[in-house]
């Protein structure tokens, strides 16, 4: 499989890279496997690539998808307030003038600086400090779910210990 889109919550949960959500990573910083295939080892990895690591299927199969991160997300979650309830827009470390006008000019943009559930509201917007669950990662990323399903299928065919995922990241 080629490169997956950037999904920092998955990167944080699985490998500890850009772990804004504060997950306890499954497989951080291992480097490439010692017995990696020659095809993998022959890849010319660019200087900008980092965080080489890998994870075996049994580790992925043991993830408790109902578990929550040990702390709140560093990114404050933004919602549009609608007649049908809040609609998730996104999450980021910086929220611009609208958030600053409500939270205060010197407010810390990191969600982990505030208690879980802290909210700011202005007009049709709400910003909220939240904690993610492992399951939130799968719900937000159908390609990750497809990758894990493929790995599960391969493990059923070739054995759990014969399936692993090697990854690295760019800057």
Protein backbone atom coordinates (compact mmCIF):
# COMPACT_ATOMS: atom_id res chain seq x y z
CA UNK A 1 0.00 0.00 0.00
CA UNK A 2 1.27 3.47 -0.81
CA UNK A 3 1.34 6.45 1.49
CA UNK A 4 -1.79 7.04 3.52
CA UNK A 5 -3.12 10.58 3.93
CA UNK A 6 -1.90 12.52 6.93
CA UNK A 7 -3.92 11.52 9.93
CA UNK A 8 -2.15 12.76 13.01
CA UNK A 9 -4.44 10.95 15.44
CA UNK A 10 -3.54 7.61 13.84
CA UNK A 11 0.15 8.56 13.72
CA UNK A 12 0.01 9.44 17.42
CA UNK A 13 -1.90 6.35 18.53
CA UNK A 14 0.11 3.85 16.54
CA UNK A 15 3.60 5.40 16.45
CA UNK A 16 3.79 8.41 18.78
CA UNK A 17 4.39 10.84 15.89
CA UNK A 18 2.55 14.19 16.09
CA UNK A 19 0.68 12.82 19.06
CA UNK A 20 -1.49 15.85 19.77
CA UNK A 21 -4.25 13.65 21.18
CA UNK A 22 -1.95 12.34 23.93
CA UNK A 23 -2.33 8.63 23.19
CA UNK A 24 -0.01 6.02 24.67
CA UNK A 25 1.57 4.91 21.35
CA UNK A 26 1.44 1.24 20.34
CA UNK A 27 4.82 1.09 18.58
CA UNK A 28 6.99 4.21 18.77
CA UNK A 29 10.49 4.66 17.39
CA UNK A 30 11.68 1.12 16.70
CA UNK A 31 13.56 1.87 13.50
CA UNK A 32 13.19 -0.50 10.56
CA UNK A 33 12.91 -4.20 11.41
CA UNK A 34 16.26 -6.02 11.50
CA UNK A 35 14.90 -8.74 9.22
CA UNK A 36 13.18 -6.34 6.80
CA UNK A 37 12.96 -7.38 3.18
CA UNK A 38 15.69 -6.29 0.82
CA UNK A 39 13.04 -4.32 -1.11
CA UNK A 40 12.35 -2.23 1.97
CA UNK A 41 15.99 -1.82 2.90
CA UNK A 42 16.90 -0.87 -0.67
CA UNK A 43 14.49 2.06 -0.70
CA UNK A 44 16.35 5.31 -0.89
CA UNK A 45 14.87 7.08 2.09
CA UNK A 46 15.06 10.86 1.79
CA UNK A 47 16.84 12.92 4.43
CA UNK A 48 13.52 14.53 5.35
CA UNK A 49 12.07 11.18 6.39
CA UNK A 50 12.15 10.25 10.06
CA UNK A 51 10.40 8.22 12.73
CA UNK A 52 11.05 4.82 11.12
CA UNK A 53 9.18 2.19 13.05
CA UNK A 54 7.02 -0.87 12.60
CA UNK A 55 4.17 -2.70 14.26
CA UNK A 56 3.22 -6.38 14.11
CA UNK A 57 -0.35 -7.55 13.64
CA UNK A 58 -0.67 -9.05 17.16
CA UNK A 59 -0.03 -5.59 18.66
CA UNK A 60 -2.68 -4.03 16.45
CA UNK A 61 -5.14 -6.82 17.19
CA UNK A 62 -4.82 -6.10 20.94
CA UNK A 63 -5.76 -2.42 20.70
CA UNK A 64 -8.73 -1.62 22.92
CA UNK A 65 -10.70 0.65 20.58
CA UNK A 66 -12.94 1.81 23.44
CA UNK A 67 -10.01 3.13 25.50
CA UNK A 68 -9.50 6.86 25.85
CA UNK A 69 -6.30 8.88 25.62
CA UNK A 70 -4.79 9.52 29.06
CA UNK A 71 -5.20 13.30 28.59
CA UNK A 72 -7.20 15.78 26.55
CA UNK A 73 -6.28 16.66 22.98
CA UNK A 74 -3.84 19.56 22.56
CA UNK A 75 -6.01 20.77 19.67
CA UNK A 76 -9.20 22.50 20.63
CA UNK A 77 -12.15 21.07 18.68
CA UNK A 78 -14.30 23.52 16.72
CA UNK A 79 -18.01 23.11 15.97
CA UNK A 80 -20.59 25.08 14.02
CA UNK A 81 -23.77 25.44 16.05
CA UNK A 82 -26.79 24.48 13.95
CA UNK A 83 -30.49 23.91 14.61
CA UNK A 84 -29.72 20.17 14.53
CA UNK A 85 -26.95 20.49 17.10
CA UNK A 86 -23.20 21.08 16.91
CA UNK A 87 -21.50 20.04 13.64
CA UNK A 88 -17.81 19.19 13.92
CA UNK A 89 -15.60 21.43 11.76
CA UNK A 90 -12.10 20.44 12.81
CA UNK A 91 -9.38 20.80 15.39
CA UNK A 92 -6.27 22.91 15.45
CA UNK A 93 -3.75 24.53 17.72
CA UNK A 94 -4.68 28.05 16.56
CA UNK A 95 -8.21 29.32 16.09
CA UNK A 96 -7.94 32.88 14.92
CA UNK A 97 -9.67 36.04 15.99
CA UNK A 98 -13.10 34.60 16.78
CA UNK A 99 -11.73 32.22 19.42
CA UNK A 100 -9.34 34.85 20.83
CA UNK A 101 -12.23 37.32 21.17
CA UNK A 102 -14.04 34.84 23.41
CA UNK A 103 -11.15 33.09 25.19
CA UNK A 104 -9.03 36.21 25.69
CA UNK A 105 -5.99 37.58 23.93
CA UNK A 106 -3.58 35.69 26.21
CA UNK A 107 -5.48 32.40 26.29
CA UNK A 108 -3.40 29.28 25.67
CA UNK A 109 -4.43 27.64 22.35
CA UNK A 110 -3.45 24.16 23.65
CA UNK A 111 -6.44 22.18 24.79
CA UNK A 112 -4.33 20.35 27.37
CA UNK A 113 -4.03 23.66 29.26
CA UNK A 114 -7.71 23.43 30.23
CA UNK A 115 -9.97 20.91 31.96
CA UNK A 116 -11.83 18.48 29.74
CA UNK A 117 -15.17 19.91 28.62
CA UNK A 118 -14.09 23.57 28.71
CA UNK A 119 -16.08 25.45 26.07
CA UNK A 120 -16.03 28.84 24.41
CA UNK A 121 -18.97 30.10 22.31
CA UNK A 122 -19.37 32.99 19.92
CA UNK A 123 -22.18 33.48 17.40
CA UNK A 124 -22.56 30.15 15.57
CA UNK A 125 -19.24 28.64 16.78
CA UNK A 126 -18.23 26.53 19.74
CA UNK A 127 -14.69 25.51 20.69
CA UNK A 128 -14.38 22.61 23.11
CA UNK A 129 -11.59 20.79 24.95
CA UNK A 130 -12.06 17.06 24.36
CA UNK A 131 -10.41 13.70 24.96
CA UNK A 132 -10.24 11.23 22.07
CA UNK A 133 -10.79 7.50 22.21
CA UNK A 134 -8.90 4.96 20.14
CA UNK A 135 -12.16 4.32 18.28
CA UNK A 136 -12.32 7.97 17.23
CA UNK A 137 -9.20 7.31 15.16
CA UNK A 138 -10.92 4.57 13.14
CA UNK A 139 -14.17 6.49 12.74
CA UNK A 140 -12.27 9.44 11.25
CA UNK A 141 -10.13 7.42 8.84
CA UNK A 142 -11.74 4.79 6.57
CA UNK A 143 -8.39 4.14 4.85
CA UNK A 144 -6.82 3.16 8.17
CA UNK A 145 -9.74 0.82 8.83
CA UNK A 146 -9.24 -0.74 5.37
CA UNK A 147 -5.51 -1.16 6.04
CA UNK A 148 -6.20 -2.90 9.37
CA UNK A 149 -8.83 -5.12 7.73
CA UNK A 150 -6.28 -6.12 5.07
CA UNK A 151 -3.67 -6.87 7.73
CA UNK A 152 -6.22 -8.99 9.64
CA UNK A 153 -7.03 -10.93 6.45
CA UNK A 154 -3.32 -11.51 5.78
CA UNK A 155 -2.79 -12.66 9.37
CA UNK A 156 -5.62 -15.18 9.02
CA UNK A 157 -3.97 -16.52 5.88
CA UNK A 158 -0.26 -16.39 6.81
CA UNK A 159 -0.26 -16.29 10.62
CA UNK A 160 -0.35 -13.37 13.04
CA UNK A 161 3.41 -13.11 13.48
CA UNK A 162 4.00 -12.92 9.72
CA UNK A 163 2.18 -9.62 9.17
CA UNK A 164 3.58 -6.23 10.09
CA UNK A 165 3.50 -2.66 8.93
CA UNK A 166 6.70 -0.62 8.53
CA UNK A 167 6.31 3.16 8.39
CA UNK A 168 8.26 6.39 8.29
CA UNK A 169 7.26 10.01 8.12
CA UNK A 170 8.24 13.11 6.22
CA UNK A 171 8.70 16.52 7.73
